[in-house]
Amino acid sequence: MSADIKITVIDREGLAHPLVAPTDMNMNLMEVCKSYELPVKGTCGGMAMCASCHCYVESDHQLNEPSDDEEDMLDQAFFVEDNSRLGCQIFMKPAFEGLTVRLAEESE
């Protein structure tokens, strides 16, 4: 069984990036994006404290409910939609094969 999944990240210009993400390294979406040099800052290092990895889940995958910390941070973020999540809180796992996310606009 492969420890890698295929996901798609749509950047802020609308370009889709097909990525391969390992599921056996406890990586989150923010870290995967950074490893492909996509424009995700992850200023807080994945602690759900900055929203610089804000994204929109475009596929129908069932994610864990956001933690209180994630919800608090999204309450302060710009351009929040119903499908908003923090990339640092989406950990890669086999069930996310085919996951599609779109990077949120950056705040000014």
C-alpha atoms as a PDB file:
ATOM      1  CA  MET A   1       0.000   0.000   0.000  1.00  0.00           C
ATOM      2  CA  SER A   2       1.368   3.376  -1.014  1.00  0.00           C
ATOM      3  CA  ALA A   3       1.983   5.982   1.658  1.00  0.00           C
ATOM      4  CA  ASP A   4       1.427   8.782  -0.867  1.00  0.00           C
ATOM      5  CA  ILE A   5      -1.789  10.417  -2.024  1.00  0.00           C
ATOM      6  CA  LYS A   6      -2.520  12.770  -4.889  1.00  0.00           C
ATOM      7  CA  ILE A   7      -4.056  16.128  -4.037  1.00  0.00           C
ATOM      8  CA  THR A   8      -4.690  19.319  -5.991  1.00  0.00           C
ATOM      9  CA  VAL A   9      -3.928  22.818  -4.749  1.00  0.00           C
ATOM     10  CA  ILE A  10      -5.369  25.747  -6.704  1.00  0.00           C
ATOM     11  CA  ASP A  11      -3.198  28.822  -6.287  1.00  0.00           C
ATOM     12  CA  ARG A  12      -4.385  32.423  -6.025  1.00  0.00           C
ATOM     13  CA  GLU A  13      -4.147  32.871  -9.791  1.00  0.00           C
ATOM     14  CA  GLY A  14      -6.449  29.886 -10.389  1.00  0.00           C
ATOM     15  CA  LEU A  15      -3.720  27.490 -11.554  1.00  0.00           C
ATOM     16  CA  ALA A  16      -4.204  23.903 -10.357  1.00  0.00           C
ATOM     17  CA  HIS A  17      -1.121  22.153  -8.990  1.00  0.00           C
ATOM     18  CA  PRO A  18      -1.335  18.346  -8.783  1.00  0.00           C
ATOM     19  CA  LEU A  19       0.812  17.304  -5.805  1.00  0.00           C
ATOM     20  CA  VAL A  20       1.919  14.050  -4.252  1.00  0.00           C
ATOM     21  CA  ALA A  21       1.654  14.098  -0.455  1.00  0.00           C
ATOM     22  CA  PRO A  22       3.047  11.501   1.933  1.00  0.00           C
ATOM     23  CA  THR A  23       0.648  10.114   4.527  1.00  0.00           C
ATOM     24  CA  ASP A  24       3.293   8.429   6.669  1.00  0.00           C
ATOM     25  CA  MET A  25       5.175  11.561   7.809  1.00  0.00           C
ATOM     26  CA  ASN A  26       2.445  13.386   9.795  1.00  0.00           C
ATOM     27  CA  MET A  27       2.637  16.304   7.338  1.00  0.00           C
ATOM     28  CA  ASN A  28      -0.126  18.857   7.125  1.00  0.00           C
ATOM     29  CA  LEU A  29      -1.349  20.634   4.006  1.00  0.00           C
ATOM     30  CA  MET A  30       0.640  23.782   4.793  1.00  0.00           C
ATOM     31  CA  GLU A  31       3.868  21.772   4.961  1.00  0.00           C
ATOM     32  CA  VAL A  32       3.086  19.977   1.704  1.00  0.00           C
ATOM     33  CA  CYS A  33       2.424  23.310  -0.031  1.00  0.00           C
ATOM     34  CA  LYS A  34       5.660  24.777   1.321  1.00  0.00           C
ATOM     35  CA  SER A  35       7.620  21.720   0.144  1.00  0.00           C
ATOM     36  CA  TYR A  36       6.362  22.446  -3.389  1.00  0.00           C
ATOM     37  CA  GLU A  37       7.195  26.141  -2.930  1.00  0.00           C
ATOM     38  CA  LEU A  38       3.583  27.252  -3.248  1.00  0.00           C
ATOM     39  CA  PRO A  39       2.839  30.677  -1.719  1.00  0.00           C
ATOM     40  CA  VAL A  40       1.740  29.574   1.746  1.00  0.00           C
ATOM     41  CA  LYS A  41       3.538  31.393   4.534  1.00  0.00           C
ATOM     42  CA  GLY A  42       2.736  29.343   7.609  1.00  0.00           C
ATOM     43  CA  THR A  43       4.018  32.206   9.723  1.00  0.00           C
ATOM     44  CA  CYS A  44       3.196  30.529  13.051  1.00  0.00           C
ATOM     45  CA  GLY A  45       4.762  27.212  12.089  1.00  0.00           C
ATOM     46  CA  GLY A  46       1.511  25.270  12.081  1.00  0.00           C
ATOM     47  CA  MET A  47       0.134  26.220  15.480  1.00  0.00           C
ATOM     48  CA  ALA A  48      -3.241  27.599  14.206  1.00  0.00           C
ATOM     49  CA  MET A  49      -2.219  31.074  15.356  1.00  0.00           C
ATOM     50  CA  CYS A  50      -1.965  33.175  12.183  1.00  0.00           C
ATOM     51  CA  ALA A  51      -4.272  32.043   9.314  1.00  0.00           C
ATOM     52  CA  SER A  52      -1.525  32.576   6.713  1.00  0.00           C
ATOM     53  CA  CYS A  53      -2.327  29.035   5.444  1.00  0.00           C
ATOM     54  CA  HIS A  54      -6.059  29.755   5.071  1.00  0.00           C
ATOM     55  CA  CYS A  55      -7.595  27.704   2.269  1.00  0.00           C
ATOM     56  CA  TYR A  56     -10.948  26.513   0.955  1.00  0.00           C
ATOM     57  CA  VAL A  57     -11.743  22.810   0.702  1.00  0.00           C
ATOM     58  CA  GLU A  58     -13.209  22.414  -2.787  1.00  0.00           C
ATOM     59  CA  SER A  59     -13.715  18.632  -2.804  1.00  0.00           C
ATOM     60  CA  ASP A  60     -16.306  16.645  -0.867  1.00  0.00           C
ATOM     61  CA  HIS A  61     -13.842  15.078   1.564  1.00  0.00           C
ATOM     62  CA  GLN A  62     -14.955  14.770   5.174  1.00  0.00           C
ATOM     63  CA  LEU A  63     -12.405  16.478   7.408  1.00  0.00           C
ATOM     64  CA  ASN A  64     -12.285  16.456  11.183  1.00  0.00           C
ATOM     65  CA  GLU A  65     -14.244  19.266  12.788  1.00  0.00           C
ATOM     66  CA  PRO A  66     -12.098  22.384  13.303  1.00  0.00           C
ATOM     67  CA  SER A  67     -10.607  22.712  16.776  1.00  0.00           C
ATOM     68  CA  ASP A  68     -11.550  25.669  18.942  1.00  0.00           C
ATOM     69  CA  ASP A  69      -8.154  27.240  18.159  1.00  0.00           C
ATOM     70  CA  GLU A  70      -8.735  26.869  14.417  1.00  0.00           C
ATOM     71  CA  GLU A  71     -12.238  28.319  14.642  1.00  0.00           C
ATOM     72  CA  ASP A  72     -10.950  31.243  16.710  1.00  0.00           C
ATOM     73  CA  MET A  73      -8.289  31.982  14.100  1.00  0.00           C
ATOM     74  CA  LEU A  74     -10.752  31.710  11.208  1.00  0.00           C
ATOM     75  CA  ASP A  75     -13.021  34.170  13.054  1.00  0.00           C
ATOM     76  CA  GLN A  76     -10.208  36.708  12.685  1.00  0.00           C
ATOM     77  CA  ALA A  77      -9.223  35.839   9.105  1.00  0.00           C
ATOM     78  CA  PHE A  78     -10.232  37.690   5.948  1.00  0.00           C
ATOM     79  CA  PHE A  79     -12.311  36.201   3.119  1.00  0.00           C
ATOM     80  CA  VAL A  80     -13.726  33.359   5.240  1.00  0.00           C
ATOM     81  CA  GLU A  81     -16.253  31.063   3.554  1.00  0.00           C
ATOM     82  CA  ASP A  82     -18.200  28.028   4.763  1.00  0.00           C
ATOM     83  CA  ASN A  83     -15.467  25.720   3.430  1.00  0.00           C
ATOM     84  CA  SER A  84     -12.576  27.667   5.002  1.00  0.00           C
ATOM     85  CA  ARG A  85      -9.912  25.740   6.885  1.00  0.00           C
ATOM     86  CA  LEU A  86      -6.346  26.286   8.019  1.00  0.00           C
ATOM     87  CA  GLY A  87      -3.954  24.171   5.981  1.00  0.00           C
ATOM     88  CA  CYS A  88      -1.821  23.535   9.052  1.00  0.00           C
ATOM     89  CA  GLN A  89      -4.726  21.647  10.617  1.00  0.00           C
ATOM     90  CA  ILE A  90      -5.344  19.285   7.676  1.00  0.00           C
ATOM     91  CA  PHE A  91      -3.027  16.318   8.166  1.00  0.00           C
ATOM     92  CA  MET A  92      -2.438  14.094   5.165  1.00  0.00           C
ATOM     93  CA  LYS A  93      -4.035  10.666   5.385  1.00  0.00           C
ATOM     94  CA  PRO A  94      -5.089   8.037   2.829  1.00  0.00           C
ATOM     95  CA  ALA A  95      -8.760   9.098   3.021  1.00  0.00           C
ATOM     96  CA  PHE A  96      -7.752  12.454   1.497  1.00  0.00           C
ATOM     97  CA  GLU A  97      -6.780  10.921  -1.866  1.00  0.00           C
ATOM     98  CA  GLY A  98      -8.077  13.394  -4.469  1.00  0.00           C
ATOM     99  CA  LEU A  99      -8.431  16.280  -2.002  1.00  0.00           C
ATOM    100  CA  THR A 100      -8.752  19.647  -3.744  1.00  0.00           C
ATOM    101  CA  VAL A 101      -8.159  22.942  -1.971  1.00  0.00           C
ATOM    102  CA  ARG A 102      -7.925  26.550  -3.130  1.00  0.00           C
ATOM    103  CA  LEU A 103      -5.593  29.005  -1.421  1.00  0.00           C
ATOM    104  CA  ALA A 104      -7.409  31.941   0.117  1.00  0.00           C
ATOM    105  CA  GLU A 105      -6.579  35.484  -0.902  1.00  0.00           C
ATOM    106  CA  GLU A 106      -3.953  37.118   1.235  1.00  0.00           C
ATOM    107  CA  SER A 107      -4.979  39.963   3.477  1.00  0.00           C
ATOM    108  CA  GLU A 108      -3.459  43.330   2.600  1.00  0.00           C
END
